[in-house]
Amino acid sequence: MIATKRFVGFLSIAITLLGAVAILLMMVHIVADGLLRTFFSSGVPGTMEFASFYYMVAVTFLPLAYIQIARGHVIVELFTGALSRRTNYTIDGFIGLILAVGAAYFTYAATWKALAMTRVGEFAIGTIILPTWPTRWFLVVGLGLLAVAALTEAIDDLLTAFGRRSVEEADRQRAEQAIWLDKLFGLEEITTSEKH
C-alpha cells in the first residue's frame, strides 16, 4: 500500500506542478497585457480567454489530489476532536470513500463531456478564437487522480480503524508522508528555519 500511495503522490505532485506553471504563465500574461495597455494602448490578444479557459481551470483542478494527500482540505474538528484516534480514522476512512465515489462519478461525467467536446473541436470566440477542448481533460485528470488518492487514503484509514495496524503506526506513516511531501517541494528547510 505504501508503494501505491507513493506512486499516487508522485503523480499528484507532477500535475500540481503543472498547475503552478499555469499560475506563473497567467501572471506573466496578465502583467504583459497590463503593461501593453498602459504604455501602448493595446493589450495581449486573448488574455481573458487564456485566463478563463486555460490557466484558471488548471489551477483549480490539477492540484486536487495533492491537497487530498497532504490532508490540506478544510477539516472541522468541532465534534470529533474529543473522540479516540481509532474513531477519527474510521470517520476519515468513510468520508474518504464518499469523496472517492463522488470524484469517480465526476470523472466519468467529465470524461464523456471531454470526449464530446474533443470530437467537435470546442472553441471560444473573444479577441481571438481559442480551442478550449484541451482544458476539458484537465478536469478528467485532476478529478480522476483525486478519486484514486481519496480511495488509497480511505483504505489506509479503514485498515487502521478496524485494527489491521496500530494507530501509532498509522500516525507515524502520516508523519513520514508529510515529511516526504515537504522534502519533495523543499518545504522542510523553510519549516525548520521557522522553528528557530
Protein backbone atom coordinates (compact mmCIF):
# COMPACT_ATOMS: atom_id res chain seq x y z
CA MET A 1 0.00 0.00 0.00
CA ILE A 2 2.87 2.38 0.75
CA ALA A 3 4.26 1.94 -2.78
CA THR A 4 0.83 2.71 -4.28
CA LYS A 5 0.48 5.81 -2.12
CA ARG A 6 3.96 6.99 -3.13
CA PHE A 7 3.16 6.49 -6.82
CA VAL A 8 -0.10 8.43 -6.47
CA GLY A 9 1.87 11.06 -4.54
CA PHE A 10 4.39 11.45 -7.38
CA LEU A 11 1.60 11.78 -9.95
CA SER A 12 -0.26 14.31 -7.84
CA ILE A 13 2.90 16.37 -7.37
CA ALA A 14 3.62 16.27 -11.10
CA ILE A 15 0.21 17.62 -12.07
CA THR A 16 0.28 20.12 -9.18
CA LEU A 17 3.50 21.49 -10.66
CA LEU A 18 1.64 21.92 -13.96
CA GLY A 19 -0.92 23.96 -12.01
CA ALA A 20 1.93 26.04 -10.57
CA VAL A 21 3.26 26.65 -14.10
CA ALA A 22 -0.23 27.80 -15.08
CA ILE A 23 -0.17 30.36 -12.25
CA LEU A 24 3.19 31.69 -13.45
CA LEU A 25 2.02 31.87 -17.06
CA MET A 26 -1.17 33.63 -16.02
CA MET A 27 0.85 36.17 -14.02
CA VAL A 28 3.21 36.88 -16.91
CA HIS A 29 0.33 37.05 -19.41
CA ILE A 30 -1.74 39.47 -17.31
CA VAL A 31 1.22 41.69 -16.39
CA ALA A 32 2.29 41.88 -20.04
CA ASP A 33 -1.28 42.75 -21.02
CA GLY A 34 -1.44 45.47 -18.37
CA LEU A 35 1.88 46.99 -19.40
CA LEU A 36 0.98 47.00 -23.08
CA ARG A 37 -2.41 48.58 -22.35
CA THR A 38 -0.80 51.23 -20.16
CA PHE A 39 2.05 52.21 -22.44
CA PHE A 40 0.87 51.29 -25.93
CA SER A 41 -2.96 51.29 -25.63
CA SER A 42 -3.06 47.73 -26.97
CA GLY A 43 -3.13 44.57 -24.87
CA VAL A 44 -2.05 40.99 -25.48
CA PRO A 45 -4.74 39.29 -27.58
CA GLY A 46 -6.60 36.51 -25.79
CA THR A 47 -5.61 37.40 -22.23
CA MET A 48 -9.14 36.99 -20.88
CA GLU A 49 -9.73 33.78 -22.84
CA PHE A 50 -6.46 32.16 -21.75
CA ALA A 51 -7.00 33.17 -18.12
CA SER A 52 -10.59 31.90 -18.07
CA PHE A 53 -10.32 28.72 -20.12
CA TYR A 54 -6.75 27.52 -19.52
CA TYR A 55 -4.99 28.99 -16.50
CA MET A 56 -7.88 29.03 -14.03
CA VAL A 57 -9.04 25.53 -14.96
CA ALA A 58 -5.51 24.15 -14.47
CA VAL A 59 -5.04 25.98 -11.17
CA THR A 60 -8.40 24.79 -9.85
CA PHE A 61 -8.46 21.11 -10.83
CA LEU A 62 -4.89 19.85 -11.19
CA PRO A 63 -3.81 20.25 -7.51
CA LEU A 64 -6.86 18.46 -6.01
CA ALA A 65 -5.12 15.10 -5.47
CA TYR A 66 -2.08 16.71 -3.86
CA ILE A 67 -4.32 18.62 -1.46
CA GLN A 68 -6.02 15.34 -0.52
CA ILE A 69 -2.72 13.54 0.04
CA ALA A 70 -1.29 16.43 2.05
CA ARG A 71 -4.53 16.49 4.06
CA GLY A 72 -4.95 20.13 3.13
CA HIS A 73 -8.72 20.16 2.70
CA VAL A 74 -10.70 22.06 5.30
CA ILE A 75 -11.44 19.82 8.29
CA VAL A 76 -13.73 20.96 11.11
CA GLU A 77 -12.98 19.04 14.30
CA LEU A 78 -15.58 20.70 16.49
CA PHE A 79 -17.28 17.39 17.37
CA THR A 80 -14.57 14.85 16.51
CA GLY A 81 -11.66 16.42 18.37
CA ALA A 82 -12.53 14.67 21.62
CA LEU A 83 -13.06 11.24 20.02
CA SER A 84 -10.45 8.48 20.08
CA ARG A 85 -7.82 8.28 17.35
CA ARG A 86 -9.29 4.98 16.06
CA THR A 87 -12.75 6.59 15.80
CA ASN A 88 -11.25 9.51 13.88
CA TYR A 89 -9.59 7.06 11.50
CA THR A 90 -13.00 5.41 10.98
CA ILE A 91 -14.64 8.75 10.20
CA ASP A 92 -11.78 9.78 7.88
CA GLY A 93 -11.98 6.43 6.10
CA PHE A 94 -15.70 6.61 5.39
CA ILE A 95 -15.51 10.26 4.33
CA GLY A 96 -12.62 9.31 2.05
CA LEU A 97 -14.76 6.59 0.46
CA ILE A 98 -17.58 9.07 -0.13
CA LEU A 99 -15.11 11.53 -1.67
CA ALA A 100 -13.62 8.79 -3.87
CA VAL A 101 -17.06 7.75 -5.15
CA GLY A 102 -18.07 11.37 -5.80
CA ALA A 103 -14.82 12.20 -7.58
CA ALA A 104 -15.06 8.99 -9.64
CA TYR A 105 -18.59 9.92 -10.73
CA PHE A 106 -17.50 13.44 -11.72
CA THR A 107 -14.52 11.95 -13.56
CA TYR A 108 -16.88 9.68 -15.51
CA ALA A 109 -19.16 12.60 -16.42
CA ALA A 110 -16.22 14.88 -17.27
CA THR A 111 -14.71 12.18 -19.50
CA TRP A 112 -17.88 11.89 -21.60
CA LYS A 113 -18.09 15.68 -21.91
CA ALA A 114 -14.39 15.92 -22.81
CA LEU A 115 -14.77 13.25 -25.48
CA ALA A 116 -17.77 15.05 -26.98
CA MET A 117 -16.04 18.45 -26.97
CA THR A 118 -12.85 16.96 -28.40
CA ARG A 119 -14.83 15.43 -31.28
CA VAL A 120 -16.49 18.73 -32.17
CA GLY A 121 -13.36 20.81 -31.56
CA GLU A 122 -14.88 23.16 -28.95
CA PHE A 123 -13.53 26.71 -29.03
CA ALA A 124 -14.21 30.14 -27.52
CA ILE A 125 -14.58 33.32 -29.53
CA GLY A 126 -13.27 36.51 -27.95
CA THR A 127 -10.47 38.76 -29.11
CA ILE A 128 -9.08 35.55 -30.60
CA ILE A 129 -10.53 32.14 -31.46
CA LEU A 130 -9.17 29.76 -28.83
CA PRO A 131 -9.64 25.97 -28.84
CA THR A 132 -10.97 25.10 -25.37
CA TRP A 133 -11.49 21.34 -25.69
CA PRO A 134 -7.99 20.51 -24.32
CA THR A 135 -8.85 22.01 -20.95
CA ARG A 136 -11.77 19.61 -20.58
CA TRP A 137 -9.10 16.96 -19.99
CA PHE A 138 -7.68 18.94 -17.05
CA LEU A 139 -10.89 18.09 -15.17
CA VAL A 140 -10.63 14.42 -16.10
CA VAL A 141 -7.02 14.18 -14.92
CA GLY A 142 -7.49 16.25 -11.77
CA LEU A 143 -10.71 14.59 -10.63
CA GLY A 144 -9.54 11.09 -11.63
CA LEU A 145 -6.37 11.38 -9.61
CA LEU A 146 -8.36 12.84 -6.70
CA ALA A 147 -10.60 9.75 -6.77
CA VAL A 148 -7.56 7.43 -6.67
CA ALA A 149 -5.86 9.45 -3.93
CA ALA A 150 -9.02 9.54 -1.81
CA LEU A 151 -9.53 5.80 -2.25
CA THR A 152 -5.97 4.90 -1.21
CA GLU A 153 -6.20 7.22 1.81
CA ALA A 154 -9.62 5.78 2.74
CA ILE A 155 -8.40 2.18 2.54
CA ASP A 156 -5.38 3.10 4.66
CA ASP A 157 -7.56 4.82 7.27
CA LEU A 158 -10.09 1.96 7.41
CA LEU A 159 -7.33 -0.63 7.84
CA THR A 160 -6.24 1.34 10.89
CA ALA A 161 -9.81 1.85 12.11
CA PHE A 162 -10.58 -1.88 12.04
CA GLY A 163 -7.38 -2.90 13.78
CA ARG A 164 -5.29 -4.18 10.86
CA ARG A 165 -2.50 -1.96 12.15
CA SER A 166 -1.90 0.17 15.21
CA VAL A 167 -2.92 3.80 15.43
CA GLU A 168 0.65 4.67 16.39
CA GLU A 169 1.99 3.06 13.21
CA ALA A 170 -0.61 4.90 11.12
CA ASP A 171 0.27 8.21 12.80
CA ARG A 172 3.96 7.54 12.15
CA GLN A 173 3.26 6.82 8.45
CA ARG A 174 1.21 10.01 8.13
CA ALA A 175 4.07 12.00 9.67
CA GLU A 176 6.60 10.33 7.34
CA GLN A 177 4.38 11.07 4.35
CA ALA A 178 4.12 14.74 5.37
CA ILE A 179 7.92 14.94 5.68
CA TRP A 180 8.32 13.18 2.30
CA LEU A 181 5.97 15.68 0.62
CA ASP A 182 7.79 18.60 2.27
CA LYS A 183 11.16 17.27 1.07
CA LEU A 184 9.90 16.93 -2.50
CA PHE A 185 8.81 20.57 -2.54
CA GLY A 186 11.80 21.78 -0.50
CA LEU A 187 9.50 22.95 2.29
CA GLU A 188 11.39 21.09 5.02
CA GLU A 189 14.10 23.75 5.13
CA ILE A 190 11.50 26.52 5.38
CA THR A 191 9.66 24.73 8.21
CA THR A 192 12.92 24.09 10.09
CA SER A 193 14.06 27.71 9.77
CA GLU A 194 10.67 28.98 11.01
CA LYS A 195 11.05 26.89 14.20
CA HIS A 196 14.38 28.61 15.10
